[in-house]
Amino acid sequence: MPTRDRKPIACLLAFVLGAWSGLLAHAQAPQAPQGPATHEETPQEERDYSLTFGRTVGLLGQPVAVSVFFTRRAGIPNIRKLRLRLTFPTARLSYDKSEVAYLARRAGVELQTVQGGSGNEGTLDLTFVLPASSDRQFPNGQIAYVHFTVPAEAQKGGFSLRPELWIEDKPATGSDLSARVADARVIVSDTPILVGCFFFTH
């Protein structure tokens, strides 16, 4: 077999073996004792609703997009209104725009955006509405992109965008709403992160 044909096979085998080794190491590692479950970290407890975000790496002086994901547990009635507020550091992010993702656009979800905050903290209110005339279900999966720009002078490192959630105008905090809300994590870097295969680069 030519050397060029061997490289993709070798890369695939290395990936599979690496993934298998990682799973084996995780299974054999001693488990830390579990404390009481918290509102943000309850992987063993299924909530009625879940709001999460894709982890994002942004470069200094460049645009960055934060992906918003929403899921509703099977058997939970359809919803028509979801409101999300994001609080972010203005020294590290400058808000540009928001847009619905494919699943929400296909379902006919409408998005209203209000920007606020002052000083070192900015706020962004995103209200997703499924029109009363629609017979669609509010989508499970990615529902939006939130676009920012990282200032050229921003501090490098990781930080969180703090989210608040309301479903049908009921807050996820301080009510009986069963919801998991995770922080949105952003990492600011001055070096692009490249993923490649050893066998293709040697």
Protein backbone atom coordinates (compact mmCIF):
# COMPACT_ATOMS: atom_id res chain seq x y z
CA MET A 1 0.00 0.00 0.00
CA PRO A 2 1.39 3.48 -0.89
CA THR A 3 2.59 5.59 2.03
CA ARG A 4 -0.03 8.25 1.26
CA ASP A 5 -2.87 5.71 1.66
CA ARG A 6 -1.51 4.54 4.99
CA LYS A 7 -1.63 7.97 6.60
CA PRO A 8 -5.47 8.32 6.92
CA ILE A 9 -5.69 4.77 8.31
CA ALA A 10 -2.92 5.43 10.82
CA CYS A 11 -4.58 8.69 11.89
CA LEU A 12 -7.93 6.94 12.39
CA LEU A 13 -6.35 4.14 14.42
CA ALA A 14 -4.51 6.66 16.59
CA PHE A 15 -7.73 8.54 17.25
CA VAL A 16 -9.67 5.37 18.16
CA LEU A 17 -6.92 4.08 20.44
CA GLY A 18 -6.58 7.47 22.13
CA ALA A 19 -10.32 7.72 22.77
CA TRP A 20 -10.43 4.12 24.11
CA SER A 21 -7.50 4.79 26.44
CA GLY A 22 -9.16 7.93 27.77
CA LEU A 23 -12.41 6.10 28.50
CA LEU A 24 -10.53 3.27 30.21
CA ALA A 25 -8.57 5.70 32.37
CA HIS A 26 -11.74 7.51 33.37
CA ALA A 27 -13.45 4.25 34.30
CA GLN A 28 -10.51 3.14 36.45
CA ALA A 29 -9.95 6.47 38.16
CA PRO A 30 -11.14 6.70 41.79
CA GLN A 31 -14.35 8.65 42.12
CA ALA A 32 -14.49 11.60 44.48
CA PRO A 33 -17.29 11.54 47.06
CA GLN A 34 -20.40 13.36 45.89
CA GLY A 35 -21.73 16.28 47.89
CA PRO A 36 -25.22 17.72 47.80
CA ALA A 37 -26.54 18.51 44.32
CA THR A 38 -26.60 22.16 43.29
CA HIS A 39 -28.85 24.01 40.89
CA GLU A 40 -26.02 24.39 38.35
CA GLU A 41 -24.45 20.95 38.64
CA THR A 42 -26.96 18.12 38.71
CA PRO A 43 -25.82 15.69 35.98
CA GLN A 44 -27.47 12.76 37.74
CA GLU A 45 -30.83 14.50 38.02
CA GLU A 46 -32.92 15.09 34.94
CA ARG A 47 -34.55 18.51 34.92
CA ASP A 48 -37.64 19.55 33.01
CA TYR A 49 -35.65 22.22 31.18
CA SER A 50 -31.99 22.77 30.44
CA LEU A 51 -30.19 25.87 29.16
CA THR A 52 -26.54 25.45 28.17
CA PHE A 53 -23.93 27.14 26.00
CA GLY A 54 -21.14 26.07 23.68
CA ARG A 55 -17.66 26.79 25.03
CA THR A 56 -16.04 29.47 22.92
CA VAL A 57 -12.50 30.62 22.18
CA GLY A 58 -12.09 34.21 20.97
CA LEU A 59 -9.04 35.97 19.61
CA LEU A 60 -8.04 39.48 20.55
CA GLY A 61 -9.65 42.00 18.22
CA GLN A 62 -11.78 39.34 16.50
CA PRO A 63 -15.51 38.41 16.46
CA VAL A 64 -16.73 35.47 18.52
CA ALA A 65 -20.10 33.69 18.66
CA VAL A 66 -21.68 32.02 21.69
CA SER A 67 -24.08 29.17 20.90
CA VAL A 68 -27.27 28.85 23.01
CA PHE A 69 -28.85 25.43 23.56
CA PHE A 70 -32.23 24.61 25.11
CA THR A 71 -33.86 21.25 25.84
CA ARG A 72 -37.23 20.25 27.25
CA ARG A 73 -37.64 16.83 28.83
CA ALA A 74 -39.91 14.36 27.07
CA GLY A 75 -43.49 14.60 28.34
CA ILE A 76 -43.17 18.26 29.41
CA PRO A 77 -45.79 20.47 27.70
CA ASN A 78 -44.78 22.77 24.88
CA ILE A 79 -43.70 26.31 25.73
CA ARG A 80 -44.18 29.52 23.76
CA LYS A 81 -41.96 32.01 25.54
CA LEU A 82 -38.39 31.78 26.80
CA ARG A 83 -36.41 34.72 28.11
CA LEU A 84 -32.65 34.68 28.64
CA ARG A 85 -30.56 37.42 30.23
CA LEU A 86 -26.79 37.33 29.83
CA THR A 87 -24.50 39.49 31.96
CA PHE A 88 -21.02 39.96 30.52
CA PRO A 89 -17.87 42.04 31.23
CA THR A 90 -17.73 44.98 28.82
CA ALA A 91 -13.94 45.14 29.07
CA ARG A 92 -13.69 41.68 27.51
CA LEU A 93 -16.66 41.54 25.14
CA SER A 94 -18.50 44.05 22.97
CA TYR A 95 -21.97 42.97 21.83
CA ASP A 96 -22.68 42.92 18.08
CA LYS A 97 -25.91 41.04 17.31
CA SER A 98 -28.05 37.97 18.01
CA GLU A 99 -29.76 35.59 15.61
CA VAL A 100 -31.93 32.49 15.86
CA ALA A 101 -30.31 29.21 14.87
CA TYR A 102 -31.67 26.89 12.21
CA LEU A 103 -33.97 24.84 14.48
CA ALA A 104 -35.62 27.93 15.96
CA ARG A 105 -35.93 29.61 12.57
CA ARG A 106 -37.56 26.50 11.09
CA ALA A 107 -40.09 26.41 13.96
CA GLY A 108 -40.97 30.07 13.40
CA VAL A 109 -39.54 31.31 16.71
CA GLU A 110 -39.24 35.10 16.87
CA LEU A 111 -36.35 36.76 18.72
CA GLN A 112 -36.42 40.13 20.45
CA THR A 113 -33.19 41.59 21.83
CA VAL A 114 -32.70 44.38 24.39
CA GLN A 115 -29.22 45.55 25.38
CA GLY A 116 -28.59 47.18 28.75
CA GLY A 117 -26.23 47.36 31.68
CA SER A 118 -23.77 50.04 32.68
CA GLY A 119 -20.16 50.49 33.68
CA ASN A 120 -18.15 47.28 33.66
CA GLU A 121 -21.15 44.99 33.13
CA GLY A 122 -23.36 44.73 30.10
CA THR A 123 -26.66 42.87 29.93
CA LEU A 124 -28.44 41.30 27.03
CA ASP A 125 -32.08 40.21 27.19
CA LEU A 126 -33.09 37.65 24.56
CA THR A 127 -36.80 36.82 24.34
CA PHE A 128 -37.80 33.86 22.18
CA VAL A 129 -41.49 33.71 21.26
CA LEU A 130 -43.32 30.93 19.44
CA PRO A 131 -46.39 32.68 17.93
CA ALA A 132 -49.78 31.62 19.26
CA SER A 133 -50.88 30.87 15.70
CA SER A 134 -48.11 28.28 15.30
CA ASP A 135 -48.76 24.57 15.81
CA ARG A 136 -45.01 23.85 16.03
CA GLN A 137 -43.10 22.69 19.09
CA PHE A 138 -40.49 24.93 20.70
CA PRO A 139 -37.25 23.37 19.44
CA ASN A 140 -34.87 21.16 21.40
CA GLY A 141 -31.25 21.92 20.54
CA GLN A 142 -29.42 25.02 19.43
CA ILE A 143 -31.75 28.01 19.38
CA ALA A 144 -29.46 31.03 18.90
CA TYR A 145 -26.08 32.57 18.24
CA VAL A 146 -24.95 35.60 20.23
CA HIS A 147 -22.21 37.55 18.45
CA PHE A 148 -19.57 39.60 20.25
CA THR A 149 -16.23 41.18 19.43
CA VAL A 150 -13.22 40.69 21.71
CA PRO A 151 -11.47 44.07 22.21
CA ALA A 152 -7.85 44.13 21.12
CA GLU A 153 -6.81 45.19 24.64
CA ALA A 154 -8.96 42.61 26.47
CA GLN A 155 -7.40 40.53 29.24
CA LYS A 156 -6.56 37.00 28.15
CA GLY A 157 -7.96 33.95 29.94
CA GLY A 158 -11.31 32.38 30.68
CA PHE A 159 -14.43 33.95 32.16
CA SER A 160 -18.18 33.35 32.39
CA LEU A 161 -21.26 35.06 31.04
CA ARG A 162 -23.84 34.76 33.82
CA PRO A 163 -27.26 33.63 32.54
CA GLU A 164 -30.74 34.05 34.00
CA LEU A 165 -33.72 32.15 32.62
CA TRP A 166 -37.48 32.68 32.55
CA ILE A 167 -39.93 30.22 30.99
CA GLU A 168 -43.44 31.54 30.35
CA ASP A 169 -42.39 34.51 32.56
CA LYS A 170 -41.54 32.20 35.49
CA PRO A 171 -37.94 32.56 36.75
CA ALA A 172 -35.70 29.52 36.99
CA THR A 173 -34.31 30.86 40.27
CA GLY A 174 -36.54 31.25 43.31
CA SER A 175 -39.48 29.31 41.92
CA ASP A 176 -40.62 25.71 41.54
CA LEU A 177 -39.42 25.62 37.94
CA SER A 178 -37.27 22.52 37.38
CA ALA A 179 -34.48 23.90 35.23
CA ARG A 180 -30.73 23.50 34.86
CA VAL A 181 -28.89 26.68 33.85
CA ALA A 182 -25.16 26.54 33.05
CA ASP A 183 -22.77 29.46 32.70
CA ALA A 184 -21.50 30.42 29.26
CA ARG A 185 -17.70 30.06 29.20
CA VAL A 186 -15.47 32.15 26.94
CA ILE A 187 -11.69 31.91 26.64
CA VAL A 188 -9.77 34.88 25.25
CA SER A 189 -6.47 34.07 23.55
CA ASP A 190 -3.96 35.71 21.24
CA THR A 191 -3.03 32.39 19.62
CA PRO A 192 -5.31 30.47 17.23
CA ILE A 193 -6.09 26.93 18.38
CA LEU A 194 -5.35 24.48 15.58
CA VAL A 195 -6.30 20.80 15.62
CA GLY A 196 -4.41 18.51 13.27
CA CYS A 197 -3.17 14.98 12.83
CA PHE A 198 0.44 14.11 13.57
CA PHE A 199 0.60 11.76 10.60
CA PHE A 200 -0.48 14.46 8.15
CA THR A 201 2.04 17.00 9.40
CA HIS A 202 5.13 14.79 9.43
